[in-house]
Amino acid sequence: MPKFVFLATDLALYAQLLMLALYVVHAWRTPLLRQTWRYVQRDATAMACSVILGLFMLIAVLDSVHFRPVLPALPDANAGAAPAYSMQTLSVLDAVLSGPRQAREKTYSRPMAMHQFAKESLQRDGVTVRDYPRLQFGGRHLQDPATQWASDLLSLTARGLAWGALTSLIAIVLLVWALAQRHTLAFGESALAAWRGKLGVPWRAIALTVTALILTASWVATVWPHYHVLGTDQTGNDVLYACLKSIRTAVVIGSLATIATLPLALVFGILAGYFKGWVDDAIQYFYTVLSSIPSVLLISAFVLMIQVFIDKNSELFETGLERADIRLFLLAMILGITGWAQLARLLRAETLKLSELDYVQAARAFGVSDTSIMRRHILPNLTHIVVIVGVLDFSGLVLYEAVLSYVGVGVDPNTNSFGSMINTARHEMSQDPLVWWNLVSAFGFMLVLVLAMTLFAGAVREAFDPRARAYRVRTGAQIAAPLKEAA
């Protein structure tokens, strides 16, 4: 049995999943929250984005279960000897993608290529020639690449799409059957109602998104064992594998840094808005000074101090992965600690308004302590701001990590991240011929993640902000009225 390894970011991600599960239970048991989230459920774009975000989260979770494999026993080892474990720490995602992980080439290769990107000196019939050598893994099953490549790729594509279509059809049939059982409808009526959006949830958008993801995943699963779908980088590593490994870094940075902002923002924002006076002045002065310091310089200073600590205390970490992980964890903490000022301002402004309402004044008149008032009356009414800002900040933090890695103060160089890939591509884009696939792949994955989170955050903001929701309803009514009159 392998030896499981629990990294700092693994435990943080598990804790976040537990907190998310507890919040879901709390929202389901609270009628007002349940009704608010149902408004999000009726948004087709938000539900389609939630499917994409769920896939990204699943990949991050699979990459957060780490273990050290058991080494094969030596022939002369005792039967009762303790098992020996490998010094290499893998994740479940590494085990699932063991083929692409080990299919390392010598250097660059284009997407779906069979030959190396750069020419080398080769011996052919005793003569030294300059040509593109065949890849060790990409397209190695082809005997005559010049004539077999196109037909082989078409065959693999057709097979992958066929399996994906069959899987999608089975998934849709099961979904329609489950909806029919839930709403006590016939199968055909359930399918028609789901397609027309009459069941309260935009199942058509969800089904189309799931179908597109299944078709893509099936095609990749069929082609990837034979070709490098997105090519290889300078050291010959598969670019698609590096992009999938970078998802965990983006999710950890975005979620953990967002949560790290909450304690300071909540405490200082509520105290400043509730007590006012010199407390408000002191807190405002503090976060105004903090905001006046360029964030890149402040984060760079913290990261450099952390790196010095890690270098001087290398005996605290057994493997290089643990060194890289603790730097990722502390980087997320630094982003949270240095980025709480904006949320604190919003919470202070809302607390100033809430503290003057009648029920708060009544609680003071009855002798309720300030701590109880802030805990029972102020904090629950700030939840919508925390949810909105937290969801919106996720996308910004993912992009911020890319910027920090680009300037060299981000994650450890051994940690896969979109910022590191973009930083490497800075030198590749200046080459001739151009090496473009590393940059395009990282940009594409990051774009999908950030865009999905941004669109989902927009629906959450409209659901939790009554003014935004009222404006949308009013605008929709103003647009629909002339159309109705014209009809």
Protein backbone atom coordinates (compact mmCIF):
# COMPACT_ATOMS: atom_id res chain seq x y z
CA MET A 1 0.00 0.00 0.00
CA PRO A 2 1.43 3.43 -0.91
CA LYS A 3 2.32 5.97 1.73
CA PHE A 4 0.00 8.96 1.58
CA VAL A 5 1.58 12.40 1.86
CA PHE A 6 -0.43 15.40 3.08
CA LEU A 7 0.98 18.67 1.83
CA ALA A 8 0.01 22.04 3.30
CA THR A 9 -2.01 23.03 0.24
CA ASP A 10 -3.69 19.61 0.19
CA LEU A 11 -4.99 20.09 3.72
CA ALA A 12 -6.06 23.65 2.89
CA LEU A 13 -7.99 22.45 -0.16
CA TYR A 14 -9.68 19.67 1.85
CA ALA A 15 -10.67 22.23 4.48
CA GLN A 16 -12.14 24.49 1.80
CA LEU A 17 -14.19 21.62 0.37
CA LEU A 18 -15.50 20.87 3.87
CA MET A 19 -16.39 24.53 4.37
CA LEU A 20 -18.13 24.56 0.99
CA ALA A 21 -20.15 21.47 1.91
CA LEU A 22 -21.16 23.02 5.23
CA TYR A 23 -22.19 26.23 3.47
CA VAL A 24 -24.31 24.24 0.99
CA VAL A 25 -26.10 22.53 3.88
CA HIS A 26 -26.58 25.89 5.62
CA ALA A 27 -27.91 27.52 2.45
CA TRP A 28 -30.31 24.62 1.86
CA ARG A 29 -31.70 24.92 5.39
CA THR A 30 -32.05 28.71 5.20
CA PRO A 31 -35.10 29.72 3.11
CA LEU A 32 -33.72 33.14 2.12
CA LEU A 33 -30.35 31.76 0.99
CA ARG A 34 -32.03 28.87 -0.80
CA GLN A 35 -34.22 31.28 -2.72
CA THR A 36 -31.22 33.47 -3.59
CA TRP A 37 -29.21 30.58 -4.96
CA ARG A 38 -32.21 29.40 -6.93
CA TYR A 39 -31.98 32.71 -8.76
CA VAL A 40 -28.44 31.69 -9.74
CA GLN A 41 -29.72 28.26 -10.81
CA ARG A 42 -32.12 29.86 -13.27
CA ASP A 43 -29.23 31.61 -15.07
CA ALA A 44 -28.22 29.44 -18.05
CA THR A 45 -24.78 31.00 -18.41
CA ALA A 46 -24.02 30.57 -14.71
CA MET A 47 -25.01 26.90 -14.71
CA ALA A 48 -22.96 26.18 -17.82
CA CYS A 49 -19.97 27.87 -16.18
CA SER A 50 -20.56 25.91 -12.98
CA VAL A 51 -20.12 22.68 -14.94
CA ILE A 52 -16.77 23.91 -16.28
CA LEU A 53 -15.69 25.06 -12.82
CA GLY A 54 -16.69 21.69 -11.39
CA LEU A 55 -14.41 19.96 -13.89
CA PHE A 56 -11.51 22.24 -12.97
CA MET A 57 -12.14 21.58 -9.28
CA LEU A 58 -12.23 17.82 -9.89
CA ILE A 59 -8.83 17.97 -11.61
CA ALA A 60 -7.45 20.05 -8.72
CA VAL A 61 -8.73 17.53 -6.16
CA LEU A 62 -7.26 14.57 -8.05
CA ASP A 63 -3.95 16.42 -8.14
CA SER A 64 -4.15 17.07 -4.38
CA VAL A 65 -4.16 13.43 -3.24
CA HIS A 66 -0.43 12.69 -2.96
CA PHE A 67 1.33 9.43 -2.19
CA ARG A 68 4.71 7.77 -2.43
CA PRO A 69 4.62 4.45 -4.32
CA VAL A 70 6.00 1.25 -2.84
CA LEU A 71 9.29 0.16 -4.38
CA PRO A 72 9.57 -3.43 -5.63
CA ALA A 73 11.06 -5.72 -3.00
CA LEU A 74 14.63 -6.88 -3.54
CA PRO A 75 15.14 -10.60 -4.31
CA ASP A 76 17.10 -11.21 -1.10
CA ALA A 77 14.84 -9.11 1.16
CA ASN A 78 13.22 -10.69 4.21
CA ALA A 79 9.56 -11.57 4.00
CA GLY A 80 8.68 -9.48 7.05
CA ALA A 81 10.78 -6.46 6.12
CA ALA A 82 9.13 -3.05 6.11
CA PRO A 83 8.22 -1.80 2.63
CA ALA A 84 10.49 0.73 0.98
CA TYR A 85 8.86 3.81 -0.53
CA SER A 86 9.94 5.86 -3.49
CA MET A 87 11.36 9.32 -2.86
CA GLN A 88 9.16 10.63 -5.68
CA THR A 89 5.78 11.93 -4.54
CA LEU A 90 2.96 11.46 -7.04
CA SER A 91 -0.69 12.43 -7.11
CA VAL A 92 -3.75 10.53 -8.29
CA LEU A 93 -3.72 12.68 -11.42
CA ASP A 94 -0.10 11.66 -12.04
CA ALA A 95 -1.08 8.00 -11.71
CA VAL A 96 -4.02 8.39 -14.09
CA LEU A 97 -1.85 10.25 -16.63
CA SER A 98 1.23 8.09 -16.20
CA GLY A 99 1.54 7.61 -19.96
CA PRO A 100 1.77 11.31 -20.95
CA ARG A 101 3.83 12.02 -17.83
CA GLN A 102 6.51 9.52 -18.86
CA ALA A 103 6.33 10.23 -22.60
CA ARG A 104 9.16 12.73 -22.56
CA GLU A 105 10.82 13.81 -25.77
CA LYS A 106 14.22 15.42 -26.26
CA THR A 107 13.03 18.97 -26.90
CA TYR A 108 10.30 20.95 -28.65
CA SER A 109 7.71 19.33 -30.91
CA ARG A 110 4.61 20.86 -32.47
CA PRO A 111 1.09 19.75 -31.57
CA MET A 112 0.25 16.41 -33.22
CA ALA A 113 3.75 16.25 -34.68
CA MET A 114 5.76 13.13 -35.40
CA HIS A 115 9.12 14.81 -35.77
CA GLN A 116 11.19 17.03 -33.54
CA PHE A 117 10.91 20.79 -33.96
CA ALA A 118 14.65 21.39 -34.41
CA LYS A 119 16.97 19.71 -36.87
CA GLU A 120 19.84 17.49 -35.76
CA SER A 121 22.75 15.70 -37.38
CA LEU A 122 21.59 12.18 -38.29
CA GLN A 123 23.39 9.19 -39.76
CA ARG A 124 21.66 7.73 -42.83
CA ASP A 125 23.38 5.09 -44.89
CA GLY A 126 26.71 6.17 -43.47
CA VAL A 127 26.13 9.82 -44.45
CA THR A 128 25.63 12.65 -41.95
CA VAL A 129 22.55 14.73 -42.80
CA ARG A 130 20.65 17.54 -41.10
CA ASP A 131 17.02 16.58 -40.65
CA TYR A 132 14.16 16.46 -38.16
CA PRO A 133 14.45 13.24 -36.12
CA ARG A 134 11.40 11.12 -35.29
CA LEU A 135 9.89 11.57 -31.86
CA GLN A 136 10.37 8.81 -29.34
CA PHE A 137 6.68 8.65 -28.39
CA GLY A 138 4.65 10.93 -30.65
CA GLY A 139 3.46 8.96 -33.69
CA ARG A 140 5.83 6.06 -33.03
CA HIS A 141 3.14 3.55 -34.07
CA LEU A 142 3.27 4.79 -37.68
CA GLN A 143 5.54 3.00 -40.11
CA ASP A 144 5.30 5.60 -42.88
CA PRO A 145 4.41 8.96 -41.30
CA ALA A 146 4.22 10.82 -44.59
CA THR A 147 1.31 8.71 -45.87
CA GLN A 148 -0.28 7.38 -42.67
CA TRP A 149 -0.45 10.46 -40.44
CA ALA A 150 -3.60 12.11 -41.85
CA SER A 151 -5.65 8.91 -42.09
CA ASP A 152 -4.54 7.78 -38.63
CA LEU A 153 -5.48 11.11 -37.07
CA LEU A 154 -8.89 11.07 -38.78
CA SER A 155 -9.48 7.51 -37.59
CA LEU A 156 -8.58 8.36 -33.99
CA THR A 157 -10.74 11.51 -34.14
CA ALA A 158 -13.76 9.60 -35.44
CA ARG A 159 -13.34 6.92 -32.79
CA GLY A 160 -12.96 9.43 -29.99
CA LEU A 161 -15.98 11.48 -31.07
CA ALA A 162 -18.06 8.33 -31.48
CA TRP A 163 -17.29 7.18 -27.94
CA GLY A 164 -17.91 10.69 -26.68
CA ALA A 165 -21.28 10.91 -28.45
CA LEU A 166 -22.32 7.53 -27.02
CA THR A 167 -21.28 8.55 -23.51
CA SER A 168 -23.08 11.89 -23.83
CA LEU A 169 -26.23 10.16 -25.05
CA ILE A 170 -26.20 7.79 -22.08
CA ALA A 171 -25.63 10.69 -19.67
CA ILE A 172 -28.51 12.71 -21.19
CA VAL A 173 -30.86 9.72 -21.08
CA LEU A 174 -30.05 9.13 -17.41
CA LEU A 175 -30.58 12.83 -16.67
CA VAL A 176 -33.96 12.92 -18.42
CA TRP A 177 -35.02 9.73 -16.63
CA ALA A 178 -34.03 11.21 -13.26
CA LEU A 179 -35.98 14.41 -14.03
CA ALA A 180 -38.99 12.35 -15.10
CA GLN A 181 -38.93 10.45 -11.81
CA ARG A 182 -38.56 13.64 -9.81
CA HIS A 183 -41.36 15.57 -11.50
CA THR A 184 -43.61 12.52 -12.14
CA LEU A 185 -43.63 13.03 -15.90
CA ALA A 186 -43.35 10.70 -18.84
CA PHE A 187 -39.91 10.36 -20.42
CA GLY A 188 -40.85 12.35 -23.53
CA GLU A 189 -42.60 15.06 -21.54
CA SER A 190 -39.61 15.36 -19.23
CA ALA A 191 -37.20 15.70 -22.17
CA LEU A 192 -39.38 18.37 -23.83
CA ALA A 193 -39.84 20.31 -20.59
CA ALA A 194 -36.11 20.21 -19.84
CA TRP A 195 -35.28 21.41 -23.37
CA ARG A 196 -37.73 24.31 -23.10
CA GLY A 197 -36.47 25.27 -19.63
CA LYS A 198 -39.75 24.67 -17.81
CA LEU A 199 -38.29 22.69 -14.90
CA GLY A 200 -36.76 25.62 -13.02
CA VAL A 201 -33.15 24.83 -14.00
CA PRO A 202 -31.65 25.45 -17.48
CA TRP A 203 -30.96 21.77 -18.14
CA ARG A 204 -30.48 22.43 -21.85
CA ALA A 205 -27.45 24.65 -21.20
CA ILE A 206 -26.09 22.14 -18.70
CA ALA A 207 -26.57 19.23 -21.10
CA LEU A 208 -24.93 21.06 -23.99
CA THR A 209 -21.95 22.01 -21.82
CA VAL A 210 -21.56 18.47 -20.49
CA THR A 211 -21.80 17.10 -24.03
CA ALA A 212 -19.08 19.45 -25.28
CA LEU A 213 -16.81 18.52 -22.37
CA ILE A 214 -17.39 14.79 -22.84
CA LEU A 215 -16.70 15.00 -26.57
CA THR A 216 -13.49 16.93 -25.93
CA ALA A 217 -12.35 14.59 -23.17
CA SER A 218 -13.12 11.51 -25.26
CA TRP A 219 -11.21 12.87 -28.24
CA VAL A 220 -8.22 13.76 -26.05
CA ALA A 221 -8.29 10.34 -24.35
CA THR A 222 -8.24 8.65 -27.74
CA VAL A 223 -5.55 10.76 -29.41
CA TRP A 224 -3.27 11.50 -26.44
CA PRO A 225 -1.76 8.00 -26.11
CA HIS A 226 -0.43 8.29 -29.68
CA TYR A 227 0.42 11.99 -30.10
CA HIS A 228 1.34 15.04 -28.05
CA VAL A 229 -1.95 16.91 -28.42
CA LEU A 230 -0.50 20.33 -27.53
CA GLY A 231 3.13 19.55 -28.34
CA THR A 232 6.10 19.50 -25.97
CA ASP A 233 8.18 22.18 -24.28
CA GLN A 234 11.93 22.82 -24.29
CA THR A 235 12.69 19.85 -22.03
CA GLY A 236 10.38 17.52 -23.94
CA ASN A 237 7.53 17.48 -21.40
CA ASP A 238 3.97 17.21 -22.67
CA VAL A 239 2.33 20.67 -22.69
CA LEU A 240 -1.21 19.37 -22.13
CA TYR A 241 -0.03 17.49 -19.05
CA ALA A 242 1.64 20.66 -17.76
CA CYS A 243 -1.59 22.63 -18.30
CA LEU A 244 -3.61 20.08 -16.34
CA LYS A 245 -1.04 20.21 -13.51
CA SER A 246 -1.24 24.01 -13.51
CA ILE A 247 -4.98 23.92 -12.76
CA ARG A 248 -4.32 22.93 -9.15
CA THR A 249 -1.97 25.87 -8.67
CA ALA A 250 -4.55 28.31 -10.03
CA VAL A 251 -7.35 26.86 -7.87
CA VAL A 252 -5.19 26.88 -4.72
CA ILE A 253 -4.02 30.44 -5.29
CA GLY A 254 -7.49 31.75 -6.10
CA SER A 255 -9.41 30.00 -3.32
CA LEU A 256 -6.85 30.02 -0.52
CA ALA A 257 -5.85 33.65 -1.02
CA THR A 258 -9.52 34.66 -1.11
CA ILE A 259 -10.19 32.92 2.20
CA ALA A 260 -7.04 34.44 3.71
CA THR A 261 -8.46 37.92 3.14
CA LEU A 262 -11.61 37.27 5.15
CA PRO A 263 -10.38 37.36 8.80
CA LEU A 264 -8.59 40.71 8.55
CA ALA A 265 -11.24 42.25 6.31
CA LEU A 266 -14.12 41.15 8.53
CA VAL A 267 -12.49 42.17 11.80
CA PHE A 268 -11.18 45.56 10.71
CA GLY A 269 -14.15 46.41 8.50
CA ILE A 270 -16.75 45.68 11.19
CA LEU A 271 -14.78 47.37 13.98
CA ALA A 272 -14.23 50.51 11.91
CA GLY A 273 -17.86 50.81 10.88
CA TYR A 274 -19.38 49.93 14.24
CA PHE A 275 -17.27 51.88 16.74
CA LYS A 276 -16.43 54.86 14.47
CA GLY A 277 -14.36 57.61 16.10
CA TRP A 278 -10.68 56.97 16.74
CA VAL A 279 -11.06 53.26 16.00
CA ASP A 280 -12.32 54.05 12.51
CA ASP A 281 -9.57 56.63 11.97
CA ALA A 282 -6.81 54.24 13.07
CA ILE A 283 -8.05 51.37 10.89
CA GLN A 284 -8.54 53.63 7.88
CA TYR A 285 -5.05 55.01 8.31
CA PHE A 286 -3.64 51.50 8.53
CA TYR A 287 -5.21 50.09 5.35
CA THR A 288 -4.67 53.37 3.48
CA VAL A 289 -0.92 53.13 4.17
CA LEU A 290 -0.98 49.45 3.17
CA SER A 291 -2.80 50.23 -0.08
CA SER A 292 -0.34 53.01 -0.94
CA ILE A 293 2.54 50.53 -1.16
CA PRO A 294 2.85 48.96 -4.64
CA SER A 295 1.49 45.44 -4.20
CA VAL A 296 4.10 43.83 -6.44
CA LEU A 297 6.95 45.27 -4.39
CA LEU A 298 5.32 44.28 -1.09
CA ILE A 299 4.63 40.73 -2.24
CA SER A 300 8.11 40.43 -3.73
CA ALA A 301 9.68 41.37 -0.40
CA PHE A 302 7.62 38.76 1.45
CA VAL A 303 8.37 36.06 -1.14
CA LEU A 304 12.11 36.73 -0.99
CA MET A 305 12.06 36.49 2.81
CA ILE A 306 10.18 33.20 2.58
CA GLN A 307 12.69 31.84 0.09
CA VAL A 308 15.57 32.75 2.41
CA PHE A 309 13.83 30.93 5.27
CA ILE A 310 13.27 27.84 3.11
CA ASP A 311 16.91 27.80 1.93
CA LYS A 312 18.28 28.12 5.47
CA ASN A 313 15.96 25.42 6.87
CA SER A 314 16.08 22.84 4.11
CA GLU A 315 16.19 20.02 6.70
CA LEU A 316 12.52 20.69 7.48
CA PHE A 317 11.47 19.37 4.07
CA GLU A 318 12.04 15.78 2.94
CA THR A 319 11.53 16.36 -0.78
CA GLY A 320 11.66 19.20 -3.27
CA LEU A 321 7.90 18.92 -3.70
CA GLU A 322 7.35 19.86 -0.06
CA ARG A 323 9.65 22.89 -0.46
CA ALA A 324 7.72 24.03 -3.52
CA ASP A 325 4.38 23.39 -1.83
CA ILE A 326 5.14 25.41 1.28
CA ARG A 327 6.16 28.32 -0.94
CA LEU A 328 2.86 28.03 -2.81
CA PHE A 329 0.95 27.94 0.48
CA LEU A 330 2.75 30.97 1.89
CA LEU A 331 2.37 32.87 -1.40
CA ALA A 332 -1.40 32.38 -1.18
CA MET A 333 -1.31 33.60 2.42
CA ILE A 334 0.70 36.68 1.40
CA LEU A 335 -1.76 37.51 -1.39
CA GLY A 336 -4.58 37.29 1.13
CA ILE A 337 -2.86 39.28 3.86
CA THR A 338 -1.89 42.08 1.49
CA GLY A 339 -5.21 42.20 -0.39
CA TRP A 340 -7.84 42.62 2.32
CA ALA A 341 -8.08 46.42 2.22
CA GLN A 342 -10.68 46.65 -0.57
CA LEU A 343 -13.06 44.20 1.12
CA ALA A 344 -12.53 45.97 4.46
CA ARG A 345 -13.62 49.28 2.91
CA LEU A 346 -16.83 47.73 1.60
CA LEU A 347 -17.59 46.05 4.91
CA ARG A 348 -16.91 49.29 6.81
CA ALA A 349 -19.33 51.21 4.61
CA GLU A 350 -22.05 48.58 5.00
CA THR A 351 -21.49 48.38 8.76
CA LEU A 352 -21.87 52.15 9.05
CA LYS A 353 -25.32 51.82 7.50
CA LEU A 354 -26.35 48.73 9.47
CA SER A 355 -25.28 50.18 12.83
CA GLU A 356 -27.85 52.98 12.47
CA LEU A 357 -30.82 50.74 11.72
CA ASP A 358 -33.66 50.41 14.21
CA TYR A 359 -33.08 46.81 15.26
CA VAL A 360 -29.43 47.54 16.11
CA GLN A 361 -30.42 50.62 18.09
CA ALA A 362 -33.06 48.55 19.91
CA ALA A 363 -30.48 45.91 20.80
CA ARG A 364 -28.25 48.61 22.27
CA ALA A 365 -31.15 50.05 24.25
CA PHE A 366 -31.86 46.63 25.77
CA GLY A 367 -28.24 46.36 26.93
CA VAL A 368 -26.99 43.77 24.42
CA SER A 369 -23.19 43.76 24.33
CA ASP A 370 -21.33 45.13 21.34
CA THR A 371 -19.81 41.72 20.62
CA SER A 372 -23.24 40.07 20.46
CA ILE A 373 -24.61 42.81 18.22
CA MET A 374 -21.72 42.46 15.78
CA ARG A 375 -21.97 38.67 15.81
CA ARG A 376 -25.74 38.29 15.60
CA HIS A 377 -26.91 41.38 13.68
CA ILE A 378 -23.99 42.90 11.75
CA LEU A 379 -22.03 39.87 10.51
CA PRO A 380 -25.00 37.90 9.03
CA ASN A 381 -26.04 40.94 7.01
CA LEU A 382 -22.55 41.24 5.51
CA THR A 383 -22.53 37.72 4.08
CA HIS A 384 -23.74 38.78 0.64
CA ILE A 385 -20.84 41.24 0.27
CA VAL A 386 -18.32 38.59 1.33
CA VAL A 387 -19.74 36.08 -1.17
CA ILE A 388 -19.80 38.58 -4.03
CA VAL A 389 -16.30 39.95 -3.45
CA GLY A 390 -14.87 36.49 -2.78
CA VAL A 391 -16.17 35.07 -6.05
CA LEU A 392 -15.06 38.13 -8.01
CA ASP A 393 -11.57 38.16 -6.46
CA PHE A 394 -10.91 34.55 -7.46
CA SER A 395 -10.40 35.47 -11.11
CA GLY A 396 -8.18 38.42 -10.24
CA LEU A 397 -5.94 36.31 -8.01
CA VAL A 398 -5.48 33.68 -10.73
CA LEU A 399 -4.33 36.41 -13.10
CA TYR A 400 -2.19 37.98 -10.39
CA GLU A 401 -0.30 34.70 -9.91
CA ALA A 402 0.50 34.72 -13.62
CA VAL A 403 1.88 38.26 -13.33
CA LEU A 404 4.03 37.39 -10.29
CA SER A 405 5.44 34.28 -11.95
CA TYR A 406 6.13 36.33 -15.05
CA VAL A 407 8.31 38.74 -13.05
CA GLY A 408 10.00 35.86 -11.19
CA VAL A 409 8.50 36.18 -7.69
CA GLY A 410 5.63 33.73 -8.03
CA VAL A 411 5.53 30.02 -7.34
CA ASP A 412 8.58 27.77 -7.19
CA PRO A 413 10.10 27.09 -10.64
CA ASN A 414 9.45 23.37 -10.12
CA THR A 415 5.72 24.00 -9.61
CA ASN A 416 3.53 23.85 -12.69
CA SER A 417 1.56 27.06 -13.16
CA PHE A 418 0.17 29.11 -15.99
CA GLY A 419 2.39 32.01 -14.97
CA SER A 420 5.52 29.87 -15.23
CA MET A 421 4.46 28.64 -18.66
CA ILE A 422 3.85 32.20 -19.84
CA ASN A 423 7.18 33.30 -18.39
CA THR A 424 8.94 30.53 -20.33
CA ALA A 425 7.07 31.48 -23.47
CA ARG A 426 8.51 34.98 -23.23
CA HIS A 427 11.82 33.61 -24.55
CA GLU A 428 10.15 31.18 -26.96
CA MET A 429 8.23 33.92 -28.75
CA SER A 430 11.50 35.58 -29.73
CA GLN A 431 12.83 32.47 -31.46
CA ASP A 432 12.84 31.87 -35.17
CA PRO A 433 10.92 29.73 -36.04
CA LEU A 434 8.30 30.72 -33.49
CA VAL A 435 7.41 28.38 -30.61
CA TRP A 436 3.80 29.42 -30.00
CA TRP A 437 1.98 26.42 -28.53
CA ASN A 438 3.25 26.76 -24.97
CA LEU A 439 1.90 30.31 -24.65
CA VAL A 440 -1.36 29.58 -26.48
CA SER A 441 -2.08 26.49 -24.35
CA ALA A 442 -1.48 28.25 -21.03
CA PHE A 443 -3.44 31.30 -22.17
CA GLY A 444 -6.34 29.14 -23.38
CA PHE A 445 -6.69 27.16 -20.15
CA MET A 446 -6.38 30.27 -18.01
CA LEU A 447 -8.89 32.11 -20.19
CA VAL A 448 -11.48 29.33 -19.81
CA LEU A 449 -11.02 29.21 -16.01
CA VAL A 450 -11.11 32.98 -15.48
CA LEU A 451 -13.96 33.57 -17.95
CA ALA A 452 -16.10 30.83 -16.41
CA MET A 453 -15.49 32.18 -12.91
CA THR A 454 -16.19 35.75 -14.00
CA LEU A 455 -19.50 34.88 -15.65
CA PHE A 456 -20.52 32.78 -12.66
CA ALA A 457 -19.53 35.65 -10.35
CA GLY A 458 -21.74 38.01 -12.34
CA ALA A 459 -24.77 35.80 -11.70
CA VAL A 460 -23.88 35.53 -8.00
CA ARG A 461 -23.56 39.31 -7.74
CA GLU A 462 -26.96 39.85 -9.31
CA ALA A 463 -28.54 37.25 -7.03
CA PHE A 464 -27.06 38.58 -3.78
CA ASP A 465 -27.25 42.28 -4.66
CA PRO A 466 -30.94 43.34 -4.70
CA ARG A 467 -30.16 46.54 -6.59
CA ALA A 468 -28.46 44.68 -9.46
CA ARG A 469 -31.30 42.16 -9.62
CA ALA A 470 -33.94 44.89 -9.59
CA TYR A 471 -32.10 46.78 -12.33
CA ARG A 472 -31.98 43.67 -14.50
CA VAL A 473 -35.70 42.97 -14.00
CA ARG A 474 -36.60 46.61 -14.69
CA THR A 475 -34.41 46.75 -17.82
CA GLY A 476 -35.88 43.51 -19.08
CA ALA A 477 -39.39 44.84 -18.59
CA GLN A 478 -38.55 48.06 -20.44
CA ILE A 479 -37.16 46.09 -23.37
CA ALA A 480 -40.03 43.59 -23.41
CA ALA A 481 -42.80 46.23 -23.34
CA PRO A 482 -42.11 47.76 -26.81
CA LEU A 483 -41.65 44.31 -28.29
CA LYS A 484 -44.97 43.18 -26.85
CA GLU A 485 -46.71 46.27 -28.22
CA ALA A 486 -45.15 45.73 -31.65
CA ALA A 487 -46.29 42.11 -31.64
